[in-house]
Amino acid sequence: MASSSATTIASPSSSGSGITERRGIPGAQFVEDVQTYLNQLGLDVTSALAVLQERLQQYKLVEMKLLAQQRDLQAKIPDIEKCLDVVATLQAKKGTGEYTLVVRLADIWH
């Protein structure tokens, strides 16, 4: 019954109030009057609460994924800055013909 209710709740939000979906999760809808909201959807309190709890879990999952992605991207910032420094150095030495290449093969090679 929860899946049919989810479809019922998702359709008014995408058509009526202009709330857009992003990544397959409908946008949150502000409910001014709970009784009117439930009557419009034709749901009882427990089924509406179950659908809204499911949607909350979807939002939490997306939040966790975005926080993990943010953490991974911030971990890459030092490497990107080093690469930018190398590019700036190479651009500065572009006209001089002076290039020094040091390749570290492994720690055991001396």
PDB file of N, CA and C in Angstrom:
ATOM      1  N   MET A   1       0.801  -1.179   0.000  1.00  0.00           N
ATOM      2  CA  MET A   1       0.000   0.000   0.000  1.00  0.00           C
ATOM      3  C   MET A   1       0.857   1.260   0.000  1.00  0.00           C
ATOM      4  N   ALA A   2       2.061   1.172   0.559  1.00  0.00           N
ATOM      5  CA  ALA A   2       2.938   2.336   0.626  1.00  0.00           C
ATOM      6  C   ALA A   2       3.378   2.775  -0.755  1.00  0.00           C
ATOM      7  N   SER A   3       3.608   1.841  -1.680  1.00  0.00           N
ATOM      8  CA  SER A   3       4.060   2.234  -3.002  1.00  0.00           C
ATOM      9  C   SER A   3       2.957   2.941  -3.780  1.00  0.00           C
ATOM     10  N   SER A   4       1.681   2.512  -3.616  1.00  0.00           N
ATOM     11  CA  SER A   4       0.602   3.211  -4.300  1.00  0.00           C
ATOM     12  C   SER A   4       0.381   4.586  -3.684  1.00  0.00           C
ATOM     13  N   SER A   5       0.586   4.727  -2.376  1.00  0.00           N
ATOM     14  CA  SER A   5       0.444   6.026  -1.735  1.00  0.00           C
ATOM     15  C   SER A   5       1.567   6.955  -2.157  1.00  0.00           C
ATOM     16  N   ALA A   6       2.761   6.404  -2.342  1.00  0.00           N
ATOM     17  CA  ALA A   6       3.881   7.234  -2.755  1.00  0.00           C
ATOM     18  C   ALA A   6       3.606   7.834  -4.120  1.00  0.00           C
ATOM     19  N   THR A   7       2.995   7.072  -5.000  1.00  0.00           N
ATOM     20  CA  THR A   7       2.656   7.590  -6.308  1.00  0.00           C
ATOM     21  C   THR A   7       1.602   8.686  -6.178  1.00  0.00           C
ATOM     22  N   THR A   8       0.667   8.483  -5.285  1.00  0.00           N
ATOM     23  CA  THR A   8      -0.385   9.467  -5.084  1.00  0.00           C
ATOM     24  C   THR A   8       0.187  10.774  -4.554  1.00  0.00           C
ATOM     25  N   ILE A   9       1.126  10.695  -3.627  1.00  0.00           N
ATOM     26  CA  ILE A   9       1.707  11.907  -3.050  1.00  0.00           C
ATOM     27  C   ILE A   9       2.638  12.588  -4.034  1.00  0.00           C
ATOM     28  N   ALA A  10       3.359  11.821  -4.827  1.00  0.00           N
ATOM     29  CA  ALA A  10       4.333  12.415  -5.739  1.00  0.00           C
ATOM     30  C   ALA A  10       3.656  13.180  -6.865  1.00  0.00           C
ATOM     31  N   SER A  11       2.473  12.746  -7.310  1.00  0.00           N
ATOM     32  CA  SER A  11       1.857  13.399  -8.449  1.00  0.00           C
ATOM     33  C   SER A  11       1.388  14.825  -8.171  1.00  0.00           C
ATOM     34  N   PRO A  12       0.788  15.153  -7.016  1.00  0.00           N
ATOM     35  CA  PRO A  12       0.418  16.542  -6.799  1.00  0.00           C
ATOM     36  C   PRO A  12       1.619  17.460  -6.693  1.00  0.00           C
ATOM     37  N   SER A  13       2.706  16.990  -6.126  1.00  0.00           N
ATOM     38  CA  SER A  13       3.863  17.864  -5.959  1.00  0.00           C
ATOM     39  C   SER A  13       4.527  18.176  -7.286  1.00  0.00           C
ATOM     40  N   SER A  14       4.477  17.246  -8.229  1.00  0.00           N
ATOM     41  CA  SER A  14       5.147  17.507  -9.492  1.00  0.00           C
ATOM     42  C   SER A  14       4.283  18.293 -10.456  1.00  0.00           C
ATOM     43  N   SER A  15       2.948  18.259 -10.277  1.00  0.00           N
ATOM     44  CA  SER A  15       2.103  18.963 -11.231  1.00  0.00           C
ATOM     45  C   SER A  15       1.580  20.284 -10.697  1.00  0.00           C
ATOM     46  N   GLY A  16       1.135  20.331  -9.444  1.00  0.00           N
ATOM     47  CA  GLY A  16       0.419  21.485  -8.950  1.00  0.00           C
ATOM     48  C   GLY A  16       1.292  22.633  -8.499  1.00  0.00           C
ATOM     49  N   SER A  17       2.185  22.416  -7.585  1.00  0.00           N
ATOM     50  CA  SER A  17       2.874  23.528  -6.950  1.00  0.00           C
ATOM     51  C   SER A  17       4.213  23.861  -7.583  1.00  0.00           C
ATOM     52  N   GLY A  18       4.607  23.188  -8.631  1.00  0.00           N
ATOM     53  CA  GLY A  18       5.846  23.514  -9.310  1.00  0.00           C
ATOM     54  C   GLY A  18       7.085  22.982  -8.619  1.00  0.00           C
ATOM     55  N   ILE A  19       6.945  22.033  -7.709  1.00  0.00           N
ATOM     56  CA  ILE A  19       8.090  21.447  -7.032  1.00  0.00           C
ATOM     57  C   ILE A  19       8.724  20.445  -7.987  1.00  0.00           C
ATOM     58  N   THR A  20      10.002  20.620  -8.253  1.00  0.00           N
ATOM     59  CA  THR A  20      10.660  19.775  -9.235  1.00  0.00           C
ATOM     60  C   THR A  20      11.339  18.588  -8.562  1.00  0.00           C
ATOM     61  N   GLU A  21      11.545  17.560  -9.356  1.00  0.00           N
ATOM     62  CA  GLU A  21      12.253  16.382  -8.872  1.00  0.00           C
ATOM     63  C   GLU A  21      13.717  16.505  -9.258  1.00  0.00           C
ATOM     64  N   ARG A  22      14.566  16.043  -8.364  1.00  0.00           N
ATOM     65  CA  ARG A  22      15.992  16.041  -8.634  1.00  0.00           C
ATOM     66  C   ARG A  22      16.532  14.699  -8.186  1.00  0.00           C
ATOM     67  N   ARG A  23      17.230  14.032  -9.071  1.00  0.00           N
ATOM     68  CA  ARG A  23      17.792  12.715  -8.799  1.00  0.00           C
ATOM     69  C   ARG A  23      16.708  11.704  -8.428  1.00  0.00           C
ATOM     70  N   GLY A  24      15.512  11.887  -8.982  1.00  0.00           N
ATOM     71  CA  GLY A  24      14.445  10.937  -8.758  1.00  0.00           C
ATOM     72  C   GLY A  24      13.708  11.093  -7.448  1.00  0.00           C
ATOM     73  N   ILE A  25      14.060  12.094  -6.648  1.00  0.00           N
ATOM     74  CA  ILE A  25      13.382  12.305  -5.376  1.00  0.00           C
ATOM     75  C   ILE A  25      12.604  13.608  -5.484  1.00  0.00           C
ATOM     76  N   PRO A  26      11.293  13.554  -5.239  1.00  0.00           N
ATOM     77  CA  PRO A  26      10.501  14.776  -5.361  1.00  0.00           C
ATOM     78  C   PRO A  26      10.890  15.797  -4.297  1.00  0.00           C
ATOM     79  N   GLY A  27      10.733  17.049  -4.642  1.00  0.00           N
ATOM     80  CA  GLY A  27      11.028  18.111  -3.706  1.00  0.00           C
ATOM     81  C   GLY A  27      10.059  18.107  -2.538  1.00  0.00           C
ATOM     82  N   ALA A  28      10.490  18.651  -1.439  1.00  0.00           N
ATOM     83  CA  ALA A  28       9.647  18.699  -0.241  1.00  0.00           C
ATOM     84  C   ALA A  28       8.508  19.689  -0.457  1.00  0.00           C
ATOM     85  N   GLN A  29       7.353  19.330   0.033  1.00  0.00           N
ATOM     86  CA  GLN A  29       6.178  20.172  -0.113  1.00  0.00           C
ATOM     87  C   GLN A  29       5.782  20.693   1.264  1.00  0.00           C
ATOM     88  N   PHE A  30       5.577  21.998   1.372  1.00  0.00           N
ATOM     89  CA  PHE A  30       5.163  22.580   2.642  1.00  0.00           C
ATOM     90  C   PHE A  30       3.671  22.330   2.831  1.00  0.00           C
ATOM     91  N   VAL A  31       3.304  21.818   3.998  1.00  0.00           N
ATOM     92  CA  VAL A  31       1.913  21.503   4.298  1.00  0.00           C
ATOM     93  C   VAL A  31       1.415  22.515   5.326  1.00  0.00           C
ATOM     94  N   GLU A  32       0.466  23.346   4.908  1.00  0.00           N
ATOM     95  CA  GLU A  32      -0.088  24.342   5.824  1.00  0.00           C
ATOM     96  C   GLU A  32      -1.152  23.736   6.732  1.00  0.00           C
ATOM     97  N   ASP A  33      -2.063  22.962   6.150  1.00  0.00           N
ATOM     98  CA  ASP A  33      -3.146  22.358   6.905  1.00  0.00           C
ATOM     99  C   ASP A  33      -3.106  20.854   6.671  1.00  0.00           C
ATOM    100  N   VAL A  34      -2.812  20.109   7.713  1.00  0.00           N
ATOM    101  CA  VAL A  34      -2.620  18.666   7.588  1.00  0.00           C
ATOM    102  C   VAL A  34      -3.914  17.971   7.170  1.00  0.00           C
ATOM    103  N   GLN A  35      -5.015  18.362   7.753  1.00  0.00           N
ATOM    104  CA  GLN A  35      -6.282  17.707   7.430  1.00  0.00           C
ATOM    105  C   GLN A  35      -6.658  17.913   5.961  1.00  0.00           C
ATOM    106  N   THR A  36      -6.482  19.110   5.442  1.00  0.00           N
ATOM    107  CA  THR A  36      -6.757  19.380   4.029  1.00  0.00           C
ATOM    108  C   THR A  36      -5.808  18.574   3.149  1.00  0.00           C
ATOM    109  N   TYR A  37      -4.565  18.499   3.528  1.00  0.00           N
ATOM    110  CA  TYR A  37      -3.559  17.738   2.783  1.00  0.00           C
ATOM    111  C   TYR A  37      -3.959  16.268   2.693  1.00  0.00           C
ATOM    112  N   LEU A  38      -4.364  15.702   3.818  1.00  0.00           N
ATOM    113  CA  LEU A  38      -4.757  14.292   3.830  1.00  0.00           C
ATOM    114  C   LEU A  38      -6.028  14.063   3.027  1.00  0.00           C
ATOM    115  N   ASN A  39      -6.976  14.990   3.101  1.00  0.00           N
ATOM    116  CA  ASN A  39      -8.213  14.854   2.341  1.00  0.00           C
ATOM    117  C   ASN A  39      -7.964  14.941   0.842  1.00  0.00           C
ATOM    118  N   GLN A  40      -7.059  15.829   0.417  1.00  0.00           N
ATOM    119  CA  GLN A  40      -6.739  15.967  -1.009  1.00  0.00           C
ATOM    120  C   GLN A  40      -6.122  14.694  -1.551  1.00  0.00           C
ATOM    121  N   LEU A  41      -5.304  14.039  -0.741  1.00  0.00           N
ATOM    122  CA  LEU A  41      -4.629  12.829  -1.194  1.00  0.00           C
ATOM    123  C   LEU A  41      -5.446  11.573  -0.944  1.00  0.00           C
ATOM    124  N   GLY A  42      -6.465  11.677  -0.122  1.00  0.00           N
ATOM    125  CA  GLY A  42      -7.298  10.528   0.175  1.00  0.00           C
ATOM    126  C   GLY A  42      -6.584   9.483   1.013  1.00  0.00           C
ATOM    127  N   LEU A  43      -5.758   9.930   1.936  1.00  0.00           N
ATOM    128  CA  LEU A  43      -4.989   9.019   2.787  1.00  0.00           C
ATOM    129  C   LEU A  43      -5.387   9.191   4.238  1.00  0.00           C
ATOM    130  N   ASP A  44      -5.152   8.136   5.013  1.00  0.00           N
ATOM    131  CA  ASP A  44      -5.310   8.283   6.455  1.00  0.00           C
ATOM    132  C   ASP A  44      -3.961   8.693   7.049  1.00  0.00           C
ATOM    133  N   VAL A  45      -3.941   8.991   8.307  1.00  0.00           N
ATOM    134  CA  VAL A  45      -2.744   9.533   8.959  1.00  0.00           C
ATOM    135  C   VAL A  45      -1.586   8.541   8.918  1.00  0.00           C
ATOM    136  N   THR A  46      -1.841   7.276   9.212  1.00  0.00           N
ATOM    137  CA  THR A  46      -0.743   6.301   9.284  1.00  0.00           C
ATOM    138  C   THR A  46      -0.111   6.042   7.929  1.00  0.00           C
ATOM    139  N   SER A  47      -0.918   5.954   6.873  1.00  0.00           N
ATOM    140  CA  SER A  47      -0.331   5.708   5.550  1.00  0.00           C
ATOM    141  C   SER A  47       0.427   6.943   5.058  1.00  0.00           C
ATOM    142  N   ALA A  48      -0.109   8.133   5.310  1.00  0.00           N
ATOM    143  CA  ALA A  48       0.602   9.351   4.918  1.00  0.00           C
ATOM    144  C   ALA A  48       1.907   9.489   5.690  1.00  0.00           C
ATOM    145  N   LEU A  49       1.880   9.158   6.974  1.00  0.00           N
ATOM    146  CA  LEU A  49       3.095   9.219   7.786  1.00  0.00           C
ATOM    147  C   LEU A  49       4.134   8.223   7.290  1.00  0.00           C
ATOM    148  N   ALA A  50       3.685   7.038   6.904  1.00  0.00           N
ATOM    149  CA  ALA A  50       4.621   6.031   6.391  1.00  0.00           C
ATOM    150  C   ALA A  50       5.270   6.502   5.094  1.00  0.00           C
ATOM    151  N   VAL A  51       4.495   7.110   4.221  1.00  0.00           N
ATOM    152  CA  VAL A  51       5.038   7.610   2.952  1.00  0.00           C
ATOM    153  C   VAL A  51       6.020   8.743   3.214  1.00  0.00           C
ATOM    154  N   LEU A  52       5.672   9.633   4.120  1.00  0.00           N
ATOM    155  CA  LEU A  52       6.566  10.752   4.418  1.00  0.00           C
ATOM    156  C   LEU A  52       7.841  10.289   5.119  1.00  0.00           C
ATOM    157  N   GLN A  53       7.749   9.256   5.952  1.00  0.00           N
ATOM    158  CA  GLN A  53       8.946   8.687   6.574  1.00  0.00           C
ATOM    159  C   GLN A  53       9.857   8.057   5.518  1.00  0.00           C
ATOM    160  N   GLU A  54       9.252   7.396   4.545  1.00  0.00           N
ATOM    161  CA  GLU A  54      10.036   6.799   3.450  1.00  0.00           C
ATOM    162  C   GLU A  54      10.754   7.888   2.660  1.00  0.00           C
ATOM    163  N   ARG A  55      10.056   8.977   2.389  1.00  0.00           N
ATOM    164  CA  ARG A  55      10.661  10.086   1.667  1.00  0.00           C
ATOM    165  C   ARG A  55      11.792  10.714   2.480  1.00  0.00           C
ATOM    166  N   LEU A  56      11.607  10.815   3.791  1.00  0.00           N
ATOM    167  CA  LEU A  56      12.657  11.334   4.664  1.00  0.00           C
ATOM    168  C   LEU A  56      13.905  10.457   4.591  1.00  0.00           C
ATOM    169  N   GLN A  57      13.724   9.153   4.551  1.00  0.00           N
ATOM    170  CA  GLN A  57      14.860   8.242   4.421  1.00  0.00           C
ATOM    171  C   GLN A  57      15.571   8.447   3.089  1.00  0.00           C
ATOM    172  N   GLN A  58      14.799   8.716   2.025  1.00  0.00           N
ATOM    173  CA  GLN A  58      15.409   9.004   0.729  1.00  0.00           C
ATOM    174  C   GLN A  58      16.250  10.273   0.806  1.00  0.00           C
ATOM    175  N   TYR A  59      15.713  11.295   1.465  1.00  0.00           N
ATOM    176  CA  TYR A  59      16.470  12.537   1.614  1.00  0.00           C
ATOM    177  C   TYR A  59      17.749  12.318   2.410  1.00  0.00           C
ATOM    178  N   LYS A  60      17.678  11.526   3.464  1.00  0.00           N
ATOM    179  CA  LYS A  60      18.862  11.249   4.275  1.00  0.00           C
ATOM    180  C   LYS A  60      19.914  10.483   3.480  1.00  0.00           C
ATOM    181  N   LEU A  61      19.462   9.541   2.645  1.00  0.00           N
ATOM    182  CA  LEU A  61      20.395   8.784   1.815  1.00  0.00           C
ATOM    183  C   LEU A  61      21.100   9.697   0.823  1.00  0.00           C
ATOM    184  N   VAL A  62      20.345  10.578   0.191  1.00  0.00           N
ATOM    185  CA  VAL A  62      20.954  11.525  -0.747  1.00  0.00           C
ATOM    186  C   VAL A  62      21.932  12.441  -0.017  1.00  0.00           C
ATOM    187  N   GLU A  63      21.573  12.874   1.185  1.00  0.00           N
ATOM    188  CA  GLU A  63      22.467  13.726   1.964  1.00  0.00           C
ATOM    189  C   GLU A  63      23.773  13.006   2.282  1.00  0.00           C
ATOM    190  N   MET A  64      23.679  11.732   2.678  1.00  0.00           N
ATOM    191  CA  MET A  64      24.895  10.968   2.978  1.00  0.00           C
ATOM    192  C   MET A  64      25.765  10.816   1.743  1.00  0.00           C
ATOM    193  N   LYS A  65      25.149  10.565   0.591  1.00  0.00           N
ATOM    194  CA  LYS A  65      25.918  10.425  -0.645  1.00  0.00           C
ATOM    195  C   LYS A  65      26.597  11.734  -1.018  1.00  0.00           C
ATOM    196  N   LEU A  66      25.883  12.840  -0.867  1.00  0.00           N
ATOM    197  CA  LEU A  66      26.470  14.138  -1.200  1.00  0.00           C
ATOM    198  C   LEU A  66      27.603  14.505  -0.250  1.00  0.00           C
ATOM    199  N   LEU A  67      27.448  14.194   1.033  1.00  0.00           N
ATOM    200  CA  LEU A  67      28.526  14.469   1.988  1.00  0.00           C
ATOM    201  C   LEU A  67      29.764  13.619   1.692  1.00  0.00           C
ATOM    202  N   ALA A  68      29.554  12.374   1.297  1.00  0.00           N
ATOM    203  CA  ALA A  68      30.687  11.511   0.927  1.00  0.00           C
ATOM    204  C   ALA A  68      31.377  12.045  -0.323  1.00  0.00           C
ATOM    205  N   GLN A  69      30.578  12.494  -1.285  1.00  0.00           N
ATOM    206  CA  GLN A  69      31.154  13.058  -2.510  1.00  0.00           C
ATOM    207  C   GLN A  69      31.926  14.333  -2.195  1.00  0.00           C
ATOM    208  N   GLN A  70      31.392  15.166  -1.318  1.00  0.00           N
ATOM    209  CA  GLN A  70      32.079  16.392  -0.927  1.00  0.00           C
ATOM    210  C   GLN A  70      33.402  16.071  -0.233  1.00  0.00           C
ATOM    211  N   ARG A  71      33.400  15.082   0.660  1.00  0.00           N
ATOM    212  CA  ARG A  71      34.614  14.687   1.365  1.00  0.00           C
ATOM    213  C   ARG A  71      35.665  14.167   0.375  1.00  0.00           C
ATOM    214  N   ASP A  72      35.243  13.367  -0.604  1.00  0.00           N
ATOM    215  CA  ASP A  72      36.179  12.840  -1.595  1.00  0.00           C
ATOM    216  C   ASP A  72      36.766  13.960  -2.448  1.00  0.00           C
ATOM    217  N   LEU A  73      35.925  14.909  -2.838  1.00  0.00           N
ATOM    218  CA  LEU A  73      36.420  16.010  -3.660  1.00  0.00           C
ATOM    219  C   LEU A  73      37.373  16.912  -2.877  1.00  0.00           C
ATOM    220  N   GLN A  74      37.080  17.143  -1.615  1.00  0.00           N
ATOM    221  CA  GLN A  74      37.984  17.976  -0.809  1.00  0.00           C
ATOM    222  C   GLN A  74      39.314  17.272  -0.566  1.00  0.00           C
ATOM    223  N   ALA A  75      39.310  15.949  -0.551  1.00  0.00           N
ATOM    224  CA  ALA A  75      40.565  15.213  -0.394  1.00  0.00           C
ATOM    225  C   ALA A  75      41.436  15.346  -1.643  1.00  0.00           C
ATOM    226  N   LYS A  76      40.828  15.638  -2.777  1.00  0.00           N
ATOM    227  CA  LYS A  76      41.576  15.780  -4.034  1.00  0.00           C
ATOM    228  C   LYS A  76      42.155  17.175  -4.225  1.00  0.00           C
ATOM    229  N   ILE A  77      41.744  18.128  -3.423  1.00  0.00           N
ATOM    230  CA  ILE A  77      42.186  19.514  -3.602  1.00  0.00           C
ATOM    231  C   ILE A  77      43.710  19.664  -3.534  1.00  0.00           C
ATOM    232  N   PRO A  78      44.426  19.056  -2.561  1.00  0.00           N
ATOM    233  CA  PRO A  78      45.891  19.212  -2.546  1.00  0.00           C
ATOM    234  C   PRO A  78      46.560  18.687  -3.819  1.00  0.00           C
ATOM    235  N   ASP A  79      46.093  17.567  -4.356  1.00  0.00           N
ATOM    236  CA  ASP A  79      46.673  17.039  -5.591  1.00  0.00           C
ATOM    237  C   ASP A  79      46.424  17.986  -6.763  1.00  0.00           C
ATOM    238  N   ILE A  80      45.237  18.556  -6.818  1.00  0.00           N
ATOM    239  CA  ILE A  80      44.915  19.486  -7.901  1.00  0.00           C
ATOM    240  C   ILE A  80      45.775  20.739  -7.790  1.00  0.00           C
ATOM    241  N   GLU A  81      46.001  21.226  -6.566  1.00  0.00           N
ATOM    242  CA  GLU A  81      46.851  22.399  -6.386  1.00  0.00           C
ATOM    243  C   GLU A  81      48.286  22.111  -6.799  1.00  0.00           C
ATOM    244  N   LYS A  82      48.772  20.905  -6.489  1.00  0.00           N
ATOM    245  CA  LYS A  82      50.127  20.533  -6.926  1.00  0.00           C
ATOM    246  C   LYS A  82      50.206  20.497  -8.442  1.00  0.00           C
ATOM    247  N   CYS A  83      49.193  19.951  -9.081  1.00  0.00           N
ATOM    248  CA  CYS A  83      49.174  19.903 -10.545  1.00  0.00           C
ATOM    249  C   CYS A  83      49.152  21.311 -11.143  1.00  0.00           C
ATOM    250  N   LEU A  84      48.382  22.200 -10.536  1.00  0.00           N
ATOM    251  CA  LEU A  84      48.354  23.582 -11.015  1.00  0.00           C
ATOM    252  C   LEU A  84      49.704  24.261 -10.850  1.00  0.00           C
ATOM    253  N   ASP A  85      50.404  23.971  -9.763  1.00  0.00           N
ATOM    254  CA  ASP A  85      51.750  24.516  -9.571  1.00  0.00           C
ATOM    255  C   ASP A  85      52.706  24.008 -10.637  1.00  0.00           C
ATOM    256  N   VAL A  86      52.593  22.730 -10.965  1.00  0.00           N
ATOM    257  CA  VAL A  86      53.449  22.151 -12.008  1.00  0.00           C
ATOM    258  C   VAL A  86      53.155  22.801 -13.350  1.00  0.00           C
ATOM    259  N   VAL A  87      51.888  22.989 -13.660  1.00  0.00           N
ATOM    260  CA  VAL A  87      51.517  23.629 -14.924  1.00  0.00           C
ATOM    261  C   VAL A  87      52.024  25.065 -14.959  1.00  0.00           C
ATOM    262  N   ALA A  88      51.902  25.788 -13.866  1.00  0.00           N
ATOM    263  CA  ALA A  88      52.397  27.164 -13.816  1.00  0.00           C
ATOM    264  C   ALA A  88      53.908  27.198 -14.003  1.00  0.00           C
ATOM    265  N   THR A  89      54.618  26.260 -13.396  1.00  0.00           N
ATOM    266  CA  THR A  89      56.069  26.190 -13.550  1.00  0.00           C
ATOM    267  C   THR A  89      56.448  25.879 -14.992  1.00  0.00           C
ATOM    268  N   LEU A  90      55.747  24.934 -15.598  1.00  0.00           N
ATOM    269  CA  LEU A  90      56.033  24.597 -16.996  1.00  0.00           C
ATOM    270  C   LEU A  90      55.727  25.754 -17.930  1.00  0.00           C
ATOM    271  N   GLN A  91      54.666  26.490 -17.656  1.00  0.00           N
ATOM    272  CA  GLN A  91      54.348  27.646 -18.498  1.00  0.00           C
ATOM    273  C   GLN A  91      55.383  28.746 -18.326  1.00  0.00           C
ATOM    274  N   ALA A  92      55.922  28.895 -17.122  1.00  0.00           N
ATOM    275  CA  ALA A  92      56.948  29.907 -16.883  1.00  0.00           C
ATOM    276  C   ALA A  92      58.247  29.549 -17.602  1.00  0.00           C
ATOM    277  N   LYS A  93      58.574  28.275 -17.684  1.00  0.00           N
ATOM    278  CA  LYS A  93      59.814  27.824 -18.320  1.00  0.00           C
ATOM    279  C   LYS A  93      59.617  27.513 -19.799  1.00  0.00           C
ATOM    280  N   LYS A  94      58.467  27.825 -20.332  1.00  0.00           N
ATOM    281  CA  LYS A  94      58.128  27.457 -21.709  1.00  0.00           C
ATOM    282  C   LYS A  94      59.107  28.039 -22.724  1.00  0.00           C
ATOM    283  N   GLY A  95      59.444  29.292 -22.594  1.00  0.00           N
ATOM    284  CA  GLY A  95      60.305  29.929 -23.572  1.00  0.00           C
ATOM    285  C   GLY A  95      61.784  29.727 -23.337  1.00  0.00           C
ATOM    286  N   THR A  96      62.199  29.310 -22.155  1.00  0.00           N
ATOM    287  CA  THR A  96      63.614  29.222 -21.833  1.00  0.00           C
ATOM    288  C   THR A  96      64.246  27.925 -22.320  1.00  0.00           C
ATOM    289  N   GLY A  97      63.469  26.890 -22.536  1.00  0.00           N
ATOM    290  CA  GLY A  97      64.011  25.608 -22.958  1.00  0.00           C
ATOM    291  C   GLY A  97      64.624  24.830 -21.815  1.00  0.00           C
ATOM    292  N   GLU A  98      64.449  25.295 -20.611  1.00  0.00           N
ATOM    293  CA  GLU A  98      65.024  24.662 -19.428  1.00  0.00           C
ATOM    294  C   GLU A  98      63.973  23.756 -18.784  1.00  0.00           C
ATOM    295  N   TYR A  99      64.208  22.467 -18.854  1.00  0.00           N
ATOM    296  CA  TYR A  99      63.295  21.508 -18.246  1.00  0.00           C
ATOM    297  C   TYR A  99      64.095  20.489 -17.454  1.00  0.00           C
ATOM    298  N   THR A 100      63.658  20.186 -16.274  1.00  0.00           N
ATOM    299  CA  THR A 100      64.267  19.158 -15.452  1.00  0.00           C
ATOM    300  C   THR A 100      63.172  18.175 -15.088  1.00  0.00           C
ATOM    301  N   LEU A 101      63.421  16.921 -15.406  1.00  0.00           N
ATOM    302  CA  LEU A 101      62.433  15.896 -15.129  1.00  0.00           C
ATOM    303  C   LEU A 101      63.011  14.911 -14.134  1.00  0.00           C
ATOM    304  N   VAL A 102      62.357  14.765 -13.004  1.00  0.00           N
ATOM    305  CA  VAL A 102      62.766  13.821 -11.984  1.00  0.00           C
ATOM    306  C   VAL A 102      61.632  12.830 -11.821  1.00  0.00           C
ATOM    307  N   VAL A 103      61.958  11.557 -12.093  1.00  0.00           N
ATOM    308  CA  VAL A 103      60.949  10.512 -11.965  1.00  0.00           C
ATOM    309  C   VAL A 103      61.384   9.589 -10.843  1.00  0.00           C
ATOM    310  N   ARG A 104      60.559   9.452  -9.857  1.00  0.00           N
ATOM    311  CA  ARG A 104      60.863   8.574  -8.739  1.00  0.00           C
ATOM    312  C   ARG A 104      60.275   7.200  -9.047  1.00  0.00           C
ATOM    313  N   LEU A 105      61.125   6.234  -9.266  1.00  0.00           N
ATOM    314  CA  LEU A 105      60.673   4.900  -9.618  1.00  0.00           C
ATOM    315  C   LEU A 105      60.129   4.156  -8.414  1.00  0.00           C
ATOM    316  N   ALA A 106      60.918   4.121  -7.388  1.00  0.00           N
ATOM    317  CA  ALA A 106      60.485   3.442  -6.161  1.00  0.00           C
ATOM    318  C   ALA A 106      61.436   3.825  -5.040  1.00  0.00           C
ATOM    319  N   ASP A 107      61.044   3.537  -3.838  1.00  0.00           N
ATOM    320  CA  ASP A 107      61.888   3.871  -2.691  1.00  0.00           C
ATOM    321  C   ASP A 107      63.122   2.983  -2.604  1.00  0.00           C
ATOM    322  N   ILE A 108      63.059   1.784  -3.171  1.00  0.00           N
ATOM    323  CA  ILE A 108      64.183   0.860  -3.036  1.00  0.00           C
ATOM    324  C   ILE A 108      65.297   1.151  -4.048  1.00  0.00           C
ATOM    325  N   TRP A 109      65.043   1.956  -5.068  1.00  0.00           N
ATOM    326  CA  TRP A 109      66.061   2.270  -6.058  1.00  0.00           C
ATOM    327  C   TRP A 109      66.853   3.478  -5.597  1.00  0.00           C
ATOM    328  N   HIS A 110      68.139   3.316  -5.387  1.00  0.00           N
ATOM    329  CA  HIS A 110      68.988   4.438  -4.966  1.00  0.00           C
ATOM    330  C   HIS A 110      70.209   4.495  -5.829  1.00  0.00           C
TER     331      HIS A 110
END
